[in-house]
Amino acid sequence: MRNAEEPARLYPSHPSIFPKVRTFLRQQATEAGLDSQAAHDLTLAVCEACANSLRHTLSPHIRLTWRSQPQAVEVLVEDDGIFRSRAAVFAAAGTNGAGLGIPLMVAMTDEFSIRQGTEQFPGTLVRLVKYRT
C-alpha cells in the first residue's frame, strides 16, 4: 500500500513519457540527496523498466512511485501487464539486441525484483533500489 507522502506519477503508455519520467526522477533524486552517479544509474534502470512495459504489455499506463528511506531510495514501476516467459526474451537476445533490459537494471541498482503479472492477476511490478553512499 502506498503512503500518501510518497511521490507517485501516472504516465500514459507512450514513448513520449521519457522526458517527463527523467525530470521526475532527477527532481526526486535531488530532494533525496543522491549523488549524481547514483541518480544517473537509477534513472537509467527506471527508464529501462518503463521501456519494457511499453514494449511487452498492452497496459494503458505506467505508475512510478518514489520511496525515500534512510539508507536507500526505492522506485516502483507498475503496469497492468502480464509478464511473458523469459525464455522468449533470452531467445531474442542474439537476434535483435532485445533481452538486455533485466541485466542492465540489475547492474544499475543495488536491489532489483519483479513481481510478474499473470493472466489471472495482471499487473507487473518492478522494484528498483539504490543505496545512499
Foldseek 3Di string as FASTA:
>chain_A
DDDPPWDKDKAFLDPVCLVVLLVVLVVVCVVLVADPLLSVLQSVLVVLVSVCCSVPFPFGIWMWTWDRDPFKIKIKIKTQGADDDLVVQVVCCVPPNGNCNVVSLVVSAPDWDWDGAHPVGGMIMIMGMHTGD
